[in-house]
PDB file of N, CA and C in Angstrom:
ATOM      1  N   MET A   1      -0.064  11.001   9.212  1.00  0.00           N
ATOM      2  CA  MET A   1       1.322  10.973   8.546  1.00  0.00           C
ATOM      3  C   MET A   1       1.694   9.513   8.279  1.00  0.00           C
ATOM      4  N   ILE A   2       2.260   9.346   7.178  1.00  0.00           N
ATOM      5  CA  ILE A   2       2.841   8.004   6.715  1.00  0.00           C
ATOM      6  C   ILE A   2       4.309   8.081   6.469  1.00  0.00           C
ATOM      7  N   PHE A   3       4.986   7.032   6.891  1.00  0.00           N
ATOM      8  CA  PHE A   3       6.410   6.732   6.553  1.00  0.00           C
ATOM      9  C   PHE A   3       6.494   6.045   5.275  1.00  0.00           C
ATOM     10  N   ILE A   4       7.155   6.599   4.289  1.00  0.00           N
ATOM     11  CA  ILE A   4       7.358   5.888   2.983  1.00  0.00           C
ATOM     12  C   ILE A   4       8.793   5.563   2.649  1.00  0.00           C
ATOM     13  N   LYS A   5       8.943   4.238   2.338  1.00  0.00           N
ATOM     14  CA  LYS A   5      10.287   3.723   1.984  1.00  0.00           C
ATOM     15  C   LYS A   5      10.097   2.981   0.640  1.00  0.00           C
ATOM     16  N   LEU A   6      10.820   3.594  -0.339  1.00  0.00           N
ATOM     17  CA  LEU A   6      10.829   3.002  -1.687  1.00  0.00           C
ATOM     18  C   LEU A   6      12.226   2.323  -1.969  1.00  0.00           C
ATOM     19  N   ASP A   7      12.235   1.027  -2.011  1.00  0.00           N
ATOM     20  CA  ASP A   7      13.333   0.105  -2.421  1.00  0.00           C
ATOM     21  C   ASP A   7      13.414   0.075  -3.880  1.00  0.00           C
ATOM     22  N   LYS A   8      14.280   0.880  -4.549  1.00  0.00           N
ATOM     23  CA  LYS A   8      14.238   1.084  -5.907  1.00  0.00           C
ATOM     24  C   LYS A   8      14.807  -0.276  -6.602  1.00  0.00           C
ATOM     25  N   ASP A   9      15.759  -0.990  -5.857  1.00  0.00           N
ATOM     26  CA  ASP A   9      16.278  -2.128  -6.466  1.00  0.00           C
ATOM     27  C   ASP A   9      15.236  -3.295  -6.582  1.00  0.00           C
ATOM     28  N   ALA A  10      14.326  -3.323  -5.561  1.00  0.00           N
ATOM     29  CA  ALA A  10      13.358  -4.380  -5.577  1.00  0.00           C
ATOM     30  C   ALA A  10      11.942  -3.971  -6.256  1.00  0.00           C
ATOM     31  N   GLY A  11      11.929  -2.675  -6.388  1.00  0.00           N
ATOM     32  CA  GLY A  11      10.606  -2.180  -6.911  1.00  0.00           C
ATOM     33  C   GLY A  11       9.374  -2.264  -5.932  1.00  0.00           C
ATOM     34  N   ILE A  12       9.774  -2.116  -4.705  1.00  0.00           N
ATOM     35  CA  ILE A  12       8.854  -2.237  -3.552  1.00  0.00           C
ATOM     36  C   ILE A  12       8.819  -0.927  -2.669  1.00  0.00           C
ATOM     37  N   VAL A  13       7.552  -0.580  -2.468  1.00  0.00           N
ATOM     38  CA  VAL A  13       7.311   0.579  -1.574  1.00  0.00           C
ATOM     39  C   VAL A  13       6.647   0.157  -0.252  1.00  0.00           C
ATOM     40  N   THR A  14       7.183   0.514   0.905  1.00  0.00           N
ATOM     41  CA  THR A  14       6.674   0.164   2.171  1.00  0.00           C
ATOM     42  C   THR A  14       6.051   1.417   2.784  1.00  0.00           C
ATOM     43  N   VAL A  15       4.745   1.319   3.175  1.00  0.00           N
ATOM     44  CA  VAL A  15       4.120   2.385   3.765  1.00  0.00           C
ATOM     45  C   VAL A  15       3.595   2.113   5.099  1.00  0.00           C
ATOM     46  N   THR A  16       3.940   2.996   6.129  1.00  0.00           N
ATOM     47  CA  THR A  16       3.621   2.778   7.576  1.00  0.00           C
ATOM     48  C   THR A  16       2.862   3.971   8.026  1.00  0.00           C
ATOM     49  N   PRO A  17       1.623   4.062   8.108  1.00  0.00           N
ATOM     50  CA  PRO A  17       0.850   5.110   8.623  1.00  0.00           C
ATOM     51  C   PRO A  17       1.043   5.163  10.167  1.00  0.00           C
ATOM     52  N   SER A  18       1.078   6.310  10.644  1.00  0.00           N
ATOM     53  CA  SER A  18       1.143   6.501  12.169  1.00  0.00           C
ATOM     54  C   SER A  18      -0.047   7.380  12.763  1.00  0.00           C
ATOM     55  N   THR A  19      -0.699   8.019  11.892  1.00  0.00           N
ATOM     56  CA  THR A  19      -1.798   8.799  12.334  1.00  0.00           C
ATOM     57  C   THR A  19      -3.002   8.675  11.259  1.00  0.00           C
ATOM     58  N   PRO A  20      -4.170   9.024  11.490  1.00  0.00           N
ATOM     59  CA  PRO A  20      -5.208   9.086  10.446  1.00  0.00           C
ATOM     60  C   PRO A  20      -4.768   9.569   9.152  1.00  0.00           C
ATOM     61  N   LEU A  21      -5.119   8.923   8.051  1.00  0.00           N
ATOM     62  CA  LEU A  21      -4.668   9.331   6.682  1.00  0.00           C
ATOM     63  C   LEU A  21      -5.241  10.560   6.289  1.00  0.00           C
ATOM     64  N   ASN A  22      -4.461  11.468   5.551  1.00  0.00           N
ATOM     65  CA  ASN A  22      -5.005  12.625   4.999  1.00  0.00           C
ATOM     66  C   ASN A  22      -4.511  12.904   3.574  1.00  0.00           C
ATOM     67  N   GLU A  23      -5.109  13.893   2.977  1.00  0.00           N
ATOM     68  CA  GLU A  23      -4.803  14.196   1.555  1.00  0.00           C
ATOM     69  C   GLU A  23      -3.260  14.346   1.263  1.00  0.00           C
ATOM     70  N   LYS A  24      -2.556  14.945   2.086  1.00  0.00           N
ATOM     71  CA  LYS A  24      -1.213  15.223   1.949  1.00  0.00           C
ATOM     72  C   LYS A  24      -0.448  13.833   1.964  1.00  0.00           C
ATOM     73  N   ASP A  25      -0.888  12.858   2.700  1.00  0.00           N
ATOM     74  CA  ASP A  25      -0.191  11.599   2.685  1.00  0.00           C
ATOM     75  C   ASP A  25      -0.140  10.988   1.318  1.00  0.00           C
ATOM     76  N   PHE A  26      -1.353  11.091   0.716  1.00  0.00           N
ATOM     77  CA  PHE A  26      -1.374  10.355  -0.686  1.00  0.00           C
ATOM     78  C   PHE A  26      -0.718  11.212  -1.728  1.00  0.00           C
ATOM     79  N   LYS A  27      -0.596  12.502  -1.482  1.00  0.00           N
ATOM     80  CA  LYS A  27       0.195  13.235  -2.432  1.00  0.00           C
ATOM     81  C   LYS A  27       1.640  12.981  -2.372  1.00  0.00           C
ATOM     82  N   ARG A  28       2.166  12.923  -1.154  1.00  0.00           N
ATOM     83  CA  ARG A  28       3.490  12.440  -0.946  1.00  0.00           C
ATOM     84  C   ARG A  28       3.800  11.072  -1.379  1.00  0.00           C
ATOM     85  N   LEU A  29       2.821  10.111  -1.213  1.00  0.00           N
ATOM     86  CA  LEU A  29       3.112   8.797  -1.721  1.00  0.00           C
ATOM     87  C   LEU A  29       3.254   8.775  -3.245  1.00  0.00           C
ATOM     88  N   ALA A  30       2.261   9.482  -3.913  1.00  0.00           N
ATOM     89  CA  ALA A  30       2.225   9.619  -5.326  1.00  0.00           C
ATOM     90  C   ALA A  30       3.498  10.237  -5.866  1.00  0.00           C
ATOM     91  N   ASP A  31       3.975  11.332  -5.155  1.00  0.00           N
ATOM     92  CA  ASP A  31       5.202  12.039  -5.549  1.00  0.00           C
ATOM     93  C   ASP A  31       6.398  11.129  -5.508  1.00  0.00           C
ATOM     94  N   GLU A  32       6.342  10.157  -4.487  1.00  0.00           N
ATOM     95  CA  GLU A  32       7.460   9.205  -4.329  1.00  0.00           C
ATOM     96  C   GLU A  32       7.487   8.042  -5.339  1.00  0.00           C
ATOM     97  N   VAL A  33       6.359   7.579  -5.542  1.00  0.00           N
ATOM     98  CA  VAL A  33       6.301   6.308  -6.508  1.00  0.00           C
ATOM     99  C   VAL A  33       6.034   6.664  -7.947  1.00  0.00           C
ATOM    100  N   ASP A  34       5.474   7.768  -8.292  1.00  0.00           N
ATOM    101  CA  ASP A  34       5.189   8.033  -9.773  1.00  0.00           C
ATOM    102  C   ASP A  34       6.375   8.245 -10.560  1.00  0.00           C
ATOM    103  N   PRO A  35       7.456   8.878 -10.202  1.00  0.00           N
ATOM    104  CA  PRO A  35       8.739   8.854 -11.059  1.00  0.00           C
ATOM    105  C   PRO A  35       9.262   7.446 -11.184  1.00  0.00           C
ATOM    106  N   TYR A  36       9.133   6.602 -10.217  1.00  0.00           N
ATOM    107  CA  TYR A  36       9.757   5.204 -10.306  1.00  0.00           C
ATOM    108  C   TYR A  36       8.822   4.513 -11.335  1.00  0.00           C
ATOM    109  N   ILE A  37       7.568   4.616 -11.183  1.00  0.00           N
ATOM    110  CA  ILE A  37       6.619   3.944 -12.120  1.00  0.00           C
ATOM    111  C   ILE A  37       6.860   4.418 -13.553  1.00  0.00           C
ATOM    112  N   GLU A  38       7.054   5.766 -13.706  1.00  0.00           N
ATOM    113  CA  GLU A  38       7.205   6.248 -15.053  1.00  0.00           C
ATOM    114  C   GLU A  38       8.450   5.637 -15.733  1.00  0.00           C
ATOM    115  N   LYS A  39       9.479   5.443 -14.888  1.00  0.00           N
ATOM    116  CA  LYS A  39      10.711   4.964 -15.409  1.00  0.00           C
ATOM    117  C   LYS A  39      10.702   3.403 -15.634  1.00  0.00           C
ATOM    118  N   GLU A  40      10.182   2.699 -14.729  1.00  0.00           N
ATOM    119  CA  GLU A  40      10.125   1.339 -14.716  1.00  0.00           C
ATOM    120  C   GLU A  40       8.864   0.589 -15.319  1.00  0.00           C
ATOM    121  N   GLY A  41       7.734   1.462 -15.358  1.00  0.00           N
ATOM    122  CA  GLY A  41       6.594   0.869 -15.828  1.00  0.00           C
ATOM    123  C   GLY A  41       5.710   0.369 -14.763  1.00  0.00           C
ATOM    124  N   LYS A  42       6.075  -0.025 -13.579  1.00  0.00           N
ATOM    125  CA  LYS A  42       5.304  -0.589 -12.554  1.00  0.00           C
ATOM    126  C   LYS A  42       6.043  -0.591 -11.313  1.00  0.00           C
ATOM    127  N   LEU A  43       5.336  -0.947 -10.143  1.00  0.00           N
ATOM    128  CA  LEU A  43       5.904  -1.267  -8.935  1.00  0.00           C
ATOM    129  C   LEU A  43       5.725  -2.786  -8.737  1.00  0.00           C
ATOM    130  N   ASN A  44       6.835  -3.444  -8.242  1.00  0.00           N
ATOM    131  CA  ASN A  44       6.620  -4.969  -7.912  1.00  0.00           C
ATOM    132  C   ASN A  44       5.684  -5.215  -6.656  1.00  0.00           C
ATOM    133  N   GLY A  45       5.781  -4.280  -5.864  1.00  0.00           N
ATOM    134  CA  GLY A  45       4.880  -4.401  -4.729  1.00  0.00           C
ATOM    135  C   GLY A  45       4.732  -3.248  -3.837  1.00  0.00           C
ATOM    136  N   LEU A  46       3.630  -3.204  -3.031  1.00  0.00           N
ATOM    137  CA  LEU A  46       3.307  -2.222  -2.053  1.00  0.00           C
ATOM    138  C   LEU A  46       3.037  -2.967  -0.840  1.00  0.00           C
ATOM    139  N   ILE A  47       3.783  -2.670   0.273  1.00  0.00           N
ATOM    140  CA  ILE A  47       3.577  -3.190   1.675  1.00  0.00           C
ATOM    141  C   ILE A  47       3.003  -2.238   2.451  1.00  0.00           C
ATOM    142  N   ILE A  48       1.783  -2.525   3.078  1.00  0.00           N
ATOM    143  CA  ILE A  48       1.149  -1.559   3.994  1.00  0.00           C
ATOM    144  C   ILE A  48       1.370  -2.213   5.313  1.00  0.00           C
ATOM    145  N   GLN A  49       2.131  -1.574   6.225  1.00  0.00           N
ATOM    146  CA  GLN A  49       2.450  -2.124   7.499  1.00  0.00           C
ATOM    147  C   GLN A  49       1.899  -1.216   8.556  1.00  0.00           C
ATOM    148  N   ILE A  50       0.821  -1.703   9.283  1.00  0.00           N
ATOM    149  CA  ILE A  50       0.153  -1.047  10.423  1.00  0.00           C
ATOM    150  C   ILE A  50      -0.409  -1.939  11.437  1.00  0.00           C
ATOM    151  N   GLU A  51      -0.146  -1.775  12.634  1.00  0.00           N
ATOM    152  CA  GLU A  51      -0.769  -2.562  13.702  1.00  0.00           C
ATOM    153  C   GLU A  51      -2.384  -2.652  13.559  1.00  0.00           C
ATOM    154  N   SER A  52      -2.891  -1.408  13.399  1.00  0.00           N
ATOM    155  CA  SER A  52      -4.333  -1.338  13.239  1.00  0.00           C
ATOM    156  C   SER A  52      -4.586  -0.132  12.361  1.00  0.00           C
ATOM    157  N   PHE A  53      -5.723  -0.258  11.630  1.00  0.00           N
ATOM    158  CA  PHE A  53      -6.000   0.802  10.630  1.00  0.00           C
ATOM    159  C   PHE A  53      -6.301   2.126  11.366  1.00  0.00           C
ATOM    160  N   PRO A  54      -5.506   3.219  10.954  1.00  0.00           N
ATOM    161  CA  PRO A  54      -5.758   4.509  11.794  1.00  0.00           C
ATOM    162  C   PRO A  54      -7.050   5.311  11.285  1.00  0.00           C
ATOM    163  N   GLY A  55      -7.556   4.875  10.011  1.00  0.00           N
ATOM    164  CA  GLY A  55      -8.746   5.673   9.536  1.00  0.00           C
ATOM    165  C   GLY A  55      -8.138   6.863   8.721  1.00  0.00           C
ATOM    166  N   TRP A  56      -9.184   7.743   8.451  1.00  0.00           N
ATOM    167  CA  TRP A  56      -8.765   8.897   7.709  1.00  0.00           C
ATOM    168  C   TRP A  56      -9.142  10.147   8.456  1.00  0.00           C
ATOM    169  N   GLU A  57      -8.240  11.149   8.282  1.00  0.00           N
ATOM    170  CA  GLU A  57      -8.396  12.322   8.994  1.00  0.00           C
ATOM    171  C   GLU A  57      -9.730  13.099   8.753  1.00  0.00           C
ATOM    172  N   ASP A  58     -10.139  12.937   7.440  1.00  0.00           N
ATOM    173  CA  ASP A  58     -11.428  13.612   6.910  1.00  0.00           C
ATOM    174  C   ASP A  58     -11.816  12.986   5.719  1.00  0.00           C
ATOM    175  N   PHE A  59     -12.955  13.444   5.144  1.00  0.00           N
ATOM    176  CA  PHE A  59     -13.456  13.044   3.999  1.00  0.00           C
ATOM    177  C   PHE A  59     -12.502  13.091   2.779  1.00  0.00           C
ATOM    178  N   ALA A  60     -11.654  14.345   2.798  1.00  0.00           N
ATOM    179  CA  ALA A  60     -10.663  14.566   1.727  1.00  0.00           C
ATOM    180  C   ALA A  60      -9.645  13.404   1.862  1.00  0.00           C
ATOM    181  N   GLY A  61      -9.291  12.978   2.980  1.00  0.00           N
ATOM    182  CA  GLY A  61      -8.416  11.914   3.096  1.00  0.00           C
ATOM    183  C   GLY A  61      -8.847  10.588   2.492  1.00  0.00           C
ATOM    184  N   LEU A  62     -10.091  10.185   2.681  1.00  0.00           N
ATOM    185  CA  LEU A  62     -10.622   9.064   2.102  1.00  0.00           C
ATOM    186  C   LEU A  62     -10.719   9.198   0.585  1.00  0.00           C
ATOM    187  N   LEU A  63     -11.256  10.324   0.081  1.00  0.00           N
ATOM    188  CA  LEU A  63     -11.218  10.650  -1.302  1.00  0.00           C
ATOM    189  C   LEU A  63      -9.764  10.481  -1.934  1.00  0.00           C
ATOM    190  N   SER A  64      -8.806  10.998  -1.281  1.00  0.00           N
ATOM    191  CA  SER A  64      -7.498  10.908  -1.912  1.00  0.00           C
ATOM    192  C   SER A  64      -6.902   9.496  -1.957  1.00  0.00           C
ATOM    193  N   HIS A  65      -7.399   8.712  -0.895  1.00  0.00           N
ATOM    194  CA  HIS A  65      -6.984   7.323  -0.726  1.00  0.00           C
ATOM    195  C   HIS A  65      -7.713   6.514  -1.998  1.00  0.00           C
ATOM    196  N   LEU A  66      -8.904   6.710  -2.228  1.00  0.00           N
ATOM    197  CA  LEU A  66      -9.594   6.226  -3.323  1.00  0.00           C
ATOM    198  C   LEU A  66      -9.023   6.549  -4.712  1.00  0.00           C
ATOM    199  N   LYS A  67      -8.664   7.800  -4.743  1.00  0.00           N
ATOM    200  CA  LYS A  67      -8.101   8.307  -6.102  1.00  0.00           C
ATOM    201  C   LYS A  67      -6.713   7.680  -6.399  1.00  0.00           C
ATOM    202  N   PHE A  68      -5.915   7.558  -5.264  1.00  0.00           N
ATOM    203  CA  PHE A  68      -4.594   6.868  -5.389  1.00  0.00           C
ATOM    204  C   PHE A  68      -4.719   5.421  -5.854  1.00  0.00           C
ATOM    205  N   VAL A  69      -5.750   4.711  -5.236  1.00  0.00           N
ATOM    206  CA  VAL A  69      -5.926   3.339  -5.675  1.00  0.00           C
ATOM    207  C   VAL A  69      -6.445   3.314  -7.166  1.00  0.00           C
ATOM    208  N   ARG A  70      -7.260   4.075  -7.473  1.00  0.00           N
ATOM    209  CA  ARG A  70      -7.859   4.160  -8.901  1.00  0.00           C
ATOM    210  C   ARG A  70      -6.646   4.422  -9.870  1.00  0.00           C
ATOM    211  N   GLU A  71      -5.785   5.314  -9.447  1.00  0.00           N
ATOM    212  CA  GLU A  71      -4.777   5.767 -10.398  1.00  0.00           C
ATOM    213  C   GLU A  71      -3.534   4.848 -10.473  1.00  0.00           C
ATOM    214  N   HIS A  72      -3.418   3.845  -9.515  1.00  0.00           N
ATOM    215  CA  HIS A  72      -2.222   3.126  -9.419  1.00  0.00           C
ATOM    216  C   HIS A  72      -2.403   1.590  -9.446  1.00  0.00           C
ATOM    217  N   HIS A  73      -3.730   1.243  -9.216  1.00  0.00           N
ATOM    218  CA  HIS A  73      -3.814  -0.222  -9.038  1.00  0.00           C
ATOM    219  C   HIS A  73      -3.487  -1.035 -10.173  1.00  0.00           C
ATOM    220  N   THR A  74      -3.367  -0.591 -11.361  1.00  0.00           N
ATOM    221  CA  THR A  74      -2.932  -1.381 -12.556  1.00  0.00           C
ATOM    222  C   THR A  74      -1.472  -1.325 -12.693  1.00  0.00           C
ATOM    223  N   LYS A  75      -0.679  -0.507 -11.875  1.00  0.00           N
ATOM    224  CA  LYS A  75       0.733  -0.399 -11.879  1.00  0.00           C
ATOM    225  C   LYS A  75       1.400  -0.902 -10.866  1.00  0.00           C
ATOM    226  N   ILE A  76       0.806  -1.667 -10.018  1.00  0.00           N
ATOM    227  CA  ILE A  76       1.358  -2.480  -8.819  1.00  0.00           C
ATOM    228  C   ILE A  76       0.999  -3.931  -8.921  1.00  0.00           C
ATOM    229  N   GLU A  77       2.071  -4.769  -8.919  1.00  0.00           N
ATOM    230  CA  GLU A  77       1.956  -6.225  -9.159  1.00  0.00           C
ATOM    231  C   GLU A  77       1.224  -6.874  -7.784  1.00  0.00           C
ATOM    232  N   LYS A  78       1.729  -6.633  -6.630  1.00  0.00           N
ATOM    233  CA  LYS A  78       1.286  -7.207  -5.418  1.00  0.00           C
ATOM    234  C   LYS A  78       1.202  -6.238  -4.270  1.00  0.00           C
ATOM    235  N   VAL A  79       0.025  -6.400  -3.418  1.00  0.00           N
ATOM    236  CA  VAL A  79      -0.054  -5.602  -2.189  1.00  0.00           C
ATOM    237  C   VAL A  79      -0.145  -6.531  -1.019  1.00  0.00           C
ATOM    238  N   ALA A  80       0.789  -6.300  -0.026  1.00  0.00           N
ATOM    239  CA  ALA A  80       0.727  -7.055   1.190  1.00  0.00           C
ATOM    240  C   ALA A  80       0.314  -6.142   2.332  1.00  0.00           C
ATOM    241  N   ALA A  81      -0.713  -6.539   2.926  1.00  0.00           N
ATOM    242  CA  ALA A  81      -1.371  -5.828   4.195  1.00  0.00           C
ATOM    243  C   ALA A  81      -0.818  -6.644   5.399  1.00  0.00           C
ATOM    244  N   VAL A  82       0.086  -5.902   6.037  1.00  0.00           N
ATOM    245  CA  VAL A  82       0.725  -6.515   7.294  1.00  0.00           C
ATOM    246  C   VAL A  82       0.125  -5.749   8.538  1.00  0.00           C
ATOM    247  N   SER A  83      -0.759  -6.495   9.305  1.00  0.00           N
ATOM    248  CA  SER A  83      -1.397  -5.778  10.348  1.00  0.00           C
ATOM    249  C   SER A  83      -2.070  -6.843  11.208  1.00  0.00           C
ATOM    250  N   ASP A  84      -2.327  -6.390  12.374  1.00  0.00           N
ATOM    251  CA  ASP A  84      -3.341  -7.214  13.282  1.00  0.00           C
ATOM    252  C   ASP A  84      -4.730  -6.681  13.410  1.00  0.00           C
ATOM    253  N   GLY A  85      -4.991  -5.658  12.644  1.00  0.00           N
ATOM    254  CA  GLY A  85      -6.318  -4.886  12.644  1.00  0.00           C
ATOM    255  C   GLY A  85      -7.303  -5.824  11.890  1.00  0.00           C
ATOM    256  N   LYS A  86      -8.490  -5.949  12.519  1.00  0.00           N
ATOM    257  CA  LYS A  86      -9.629  -6.662  11.868  1.00  0.00           C
ATOM    258  C   LYS A  86     -10.036  -6.274  10.484  1.00  0.00           C
ATOM    259  N   ILE A  87     -10.115  -4.971  10.333  1.00  0.00           N
ATOM    260  CA  ILE A  87     -10.417  -4.432   9.074  1.00  0.00           C
ATOM    261  C   ILE A  87      -9.328  -4.785   7.980  1.00  0.00           C
ATOM    262  N   VAL A  88      -8.165  -4.675   8.254  1.00  0.00           N
ATOM    263  CA  VAL A  88      -7.067  -4.926   7.333  1.00  0.00           C
ATOM    264  C   VAL A  88      -7.107  -6.372   6.913  1.00  0.00           C
ATOM    265  N   SER A  89      -7.420  -7.308   7.937  1.00  0.00           N
ATOM    266  CA  SER A  89      -7.323  -8.662   7.603  1.00  0.00           C
ATOM    267  C   SER A  89      -8.340  -9.036   6.653  1.00  0.00           C
ATOM    268  N   ILE A  90      -9.470  -8.384   6.534  1.00  0.00           N
ATOM    269  CA  ILE A  90     -10.438  -8.815   5.534  1.00  0.00           C
ATOM    270  C   ILE A  90     -10.305  -8.000   4.111  1.00  0.00           C
ATOM    271  N   MET A  91      -9.360  -6.971   4.178  1.00  0.00           N
ATOM    272  CA  MET A  91      -9.165  -6.132   2.971  1.00  0.00           C
ATOM    273  C   MET A  91      -8.883  -6.927   1.712  1.00  0.00           C
ATOM    274  N   PRO A  92      -7.991  -8.076   1.694  1.00  0.00           N
ATOM    275  CA  PRO A  92      -7.833  -8.744   0.485  1.00  0.00           C
ATOM    276  C   PRO A  92      -8.993  -9.323  -0.123  1.00  0.00           C
ATOM    277  N   ARG A  93      -9.893  -9.760   0.527  1.00  0.00           N
ATOM    278  CA  ARG A  93     -11.156 -10.312   0.079  1.00  0.00           C
ATOM    279  C   ARG A  93     -12.104  -9.211  -0.598  1.00  0.00           C
ATOM    280  N   ILE A  94     -12.014  -8.088  -0.036  1.00  0.00           N
ATOM    281  CA  ILE A  94     -12.923  -6.948  -0.516  1.00  0.00           C
ATOM    282  C   ILE A  94     -12.199  -6.252  -1.709  1.00  0.00           C
ATOM    283  N   VAL A  95     -11.001  -5.962  -1.625  1.00  0.00           N
ATOM    284  CA  VAL A  95     -10.356  -5.110  -2.795  1.00  0.00           C
ATOM    285  C   VAL A  95      -9.971  -6.029  -3.941  1.00  0.00           C
ATOM    286  N   ASP A  96     -10.061  -7.309  -3.756  1.00  0.00           N
ATOM    287  CA  ASP A  96      -9.567  -8.302  -4.825  1.00  0.00           C
ATOM    288  C   ASP A  96     -10.522  -8.107  -6.031  1.00  0.00           C
ATOM    289  N   HIS A  97     -11.762  -7.617  -5.763  1.00  0.00           N
ATOM    290  CA  HIS A  97     -12.732  -7.421  -6.823  1.00  0.00           C
ATOM    291  C   HIS A  97     -12.530  -6.139  -7.574  1.00  0.00           C
ATOM    292  N   PHE A  98     -11.690  -5.154  -6.965  1.00  0.00           N
ATOM    293  CA  PHE A  98     -11.625  -3.903  -7.488  1.00  0.00           C
ATOM    294  C   PHE A  98     -10.279  -3.622  -8.140  1.00  0.00           C
ATOM    295  N   VAL A  99      -9.181  -4.283  -7.778  1.00  0.00           N
ATOM    296  CA  VAL A  99      -7.820  -3.943  -8.250  1.00  0.00           C
ATOM    297  C   VAL A  99      -7.269  -5.176  -8.997  1.00  0.00           C
ATOM    298  N   ASN A 100      -6.340  -4.812  -9.811  1.00  0.00           N
ATOM    299  CA  ASN A 100      -5.626  -5.758 -10.644  1.00  0.00           C
ATOM    300  C   ASN A 100      -4.543  -6.400  -9.780  1.00  0.00           C
ATOM    301  N   ALA A 101      -3.967  -5.882  -8.754  1.00  0.00           N
ATOM    302  CA  ALA A 101      -2.887  -6.392  -7.997  1.00  0.00           C
ATOM    303  C   ALA A 101      -3.287  -7.695  -7.241  1.00  0.00           C
ATOM    304  N   LYS A 102      -2.353  -8.447  -6.937  1.00  0.00           N
ATOM    305  CA  LYS A 102      -2.615  -9.621  -6.160  1.00  0.00           C
ATOM    306  C   LYS A 102      -2.489  -9.149  -4.768  1.00  0.00           C
ATOM    307  N   VAL A 103      -3.498  -9.399  -3.815  1.00  0.00           N
ATOM    308  CA  VAL A 103      -3.513  -8.715  -2.533  1.00  0.00           C
ATOM    309  C   VAL A 103      -3.406  -9.949  -1.471  1.00  0.00           C
ATOM    310  N   LYS A 104      -2.632  -9.807  -0.462  1.00  0.00           N
ATOM    311  CA  LYS A 104      -2.641 -10.916   0.517  1.00  0.00           C
ATOM    312  C   LYS A 104      -2.405 -10.159   1.942  1.00  0.00           C
ATOM    313  N   TYR A 105      -3.007 -10.825   2.892  1.00  0.00           N
ATOM    314  CA  TYR A 105      -2.874 -10.350   4.324  1.00  0.00           C
ATOM    315  C   TYR A 105      -1.912 -11.217   5.043  1.00  0.00           C
ATOM    316  N   PHE A 106      -1.086 -10.502   5.940  1.00  0.00           N
ATOM    317  CA  PHE A 106      -0.135 -11.124   6.780  1.00  0.00           C
ATOM    318  C   PHE A 106      -0.294 -10.508   8.201  1.00  0.00           C
ATOM    319  N   PRO A 107      -0.130 -11.449   9.177  1.00  0.00           N
ATOM    320  CA  PRO A 107      -0.190 -10.842  10.533  1.00  0.00           C
ATOM    321  C   PRO A 107       0.940  -9.905  10.696  1.00  0.00           C
ATOM    322  N   TYR A 108       0.807  -9.008  11.790  1.00  0.00           N
ATOM    323  CA  TYR A 108       1.782  -7.851  11.888  1.00  0.00           C
ATOM    324  C   TYR A 108       3.206  -8.437  12.170  1.00  0.00           C
ATOM    325  N   GLU A 109       3.383  -9.534  12.790  1.00  0.00           N
ATOM    326  CA  GLU A 109       4.691 -10.003  13.113  1.00  0.00           C
ATOM    327  C   GLU A 109       5.349 -10.717  11.845  1.00  0.00           C
ATOM    328  N   SER A 110       4.612 -10.794  10.794  1.00  0.00           N
ATOM    329  CA  SER A 110       5.163 -11.492   9.664  1.00  0.00           C
ATOM    330  C   SER A 110       5.510 -10.630   8.496  1.00  0.00           C
ATOM    331  N   LEU A 111       6.247  -9.509   8.775  1.00  0.00           N
ATOM    332  CA  LEU A 111       6.713  -8.693   7.865  1.00  0.00           C
ATOM    333  C   LEU A 111       7.747  -9.359   6.838  1.00  0.00           C
ATOM    334  N   ASP A 112       8.729 -10.047   7.397  1.00  0.00           N
ATOM    335  CA  ASP A 112       9.614 -10.784   6.460  1.00  0.00           C
ATOM    336  C   ASP A 112       8.953 -11.679   5.558  1.00  0.00           C
ATOM    337  N   GLU A 113       7.984 -12.342   5.938  1.00  0.00           N
ATOM    338  CA  GLU A 113       7.081 -13.282   5.069  1.00  0.00           C
ATOM    339  C   GLU A 113       6.507 -12.443   3.936  1.00  0.00           C
ATOM    340  N   ALA A 114       5.930 -11.339   4.323  1.00  0.00           N
ATOM    341  CA  ALA A 114       5.341 -10.467   3.340  1.00  0.00           C
ATOM    342  C   ALA A 114       6.338 -10.016   2.332  1.00  0.00           C
ATOM    343  N   ILE A 115       7.462  -9.569   2.789  1.00  0.00           N
ATOM    344  CA  ILE A 115       8.438  -9.166   1.817  1.00  0.00           C
ATOM    345  C   ILE A 115       8.852 -10.285   0.906  1.00  0.00           C
ATOM    346  N   SER A 116       8.995 -11.396   1.373  1.00  0.00           N
ATOM    347  CA  SER A 116       9.388 -12.502   0.453  1.00  0.00           C
ATOM    348  C   SER A 116       8.202 -12.822  -0.447  1.00  0.00           C
ATOM    349  N   TRP A 117       7.044 -12.763  -0.067  1.00  0.00           N
ATOM    350  CA  TRP A 117       5.917 -12.974  -0.906  1.00  0.00           C
ATOM    351  C   TRP A 117       5.876 -11.940  -2.050  1.00  0.00           C
ATOM    352  N   VAL A 118       6.103 -10.645  -1.827  1.00  0.00           N
ATOM    353  CA  VAL A 118       6.068  -9.569  -2.740  1.00  0.00           C
ATOM    354  C   VAL A 118       7.186  -9.767  -3.716  1.00  0.00           C
ATOM    355  N   LYS A 119       8.383 -10.175  -3.274  1.00  0.00           N
ATOM    356  CA  LYS A 119       9.529 -10.427  -4.062  1.00  0.00           C
ATOM    357  C   LYS A 119       9.415 -11.609  -5.028  1.00  0.00           C
ATOM    358  N   SER A 120       8.576 -12.682  -4.626  1.00  0.00           N
ATOM    359  CA  SER A 120       8.520 -13.941  -5.443  1.00  0.00           C
ATOM    360  C   SER A 120       7.787 -13.615  -6.707  1.00  0.00           C
ATOM    361  N   THR A 121       8.049 -14.448  -7.674  1.00  0.00           N
ATOM    362  CA  THR A 121       7.412 -14.252  -9.054  1.00  0.00           C
ATOM    363  C   THR A 121       6.272 -15.244  -9.200  1.00  0.00           C
TER     364      THR A 121
END
């Protein structure tokens, strides 16, 4: 399950997973952000806040995650990964080759810094 908070004024969505990710999580996320993107043309930022990456519930969850990235990566300006997990800390170096968004890692206690970075031009 993920908690999704869309700040329509700033054009930023914050996602906080609490359990392994599944297909329904990415459907809910798309249902939340797609109308905003359709109206505004893009999201200014996506903030992923997790202490450590919970993984995926099953293969369908992984595929849904990849599908969401493929369908949205050109419509999101910046992605901030806020976590103390080892996997998440190397994510920006890996995904930078596959997505158009600027991606940056922040330690878990640096949420305010991540928000400021996403809001900056």
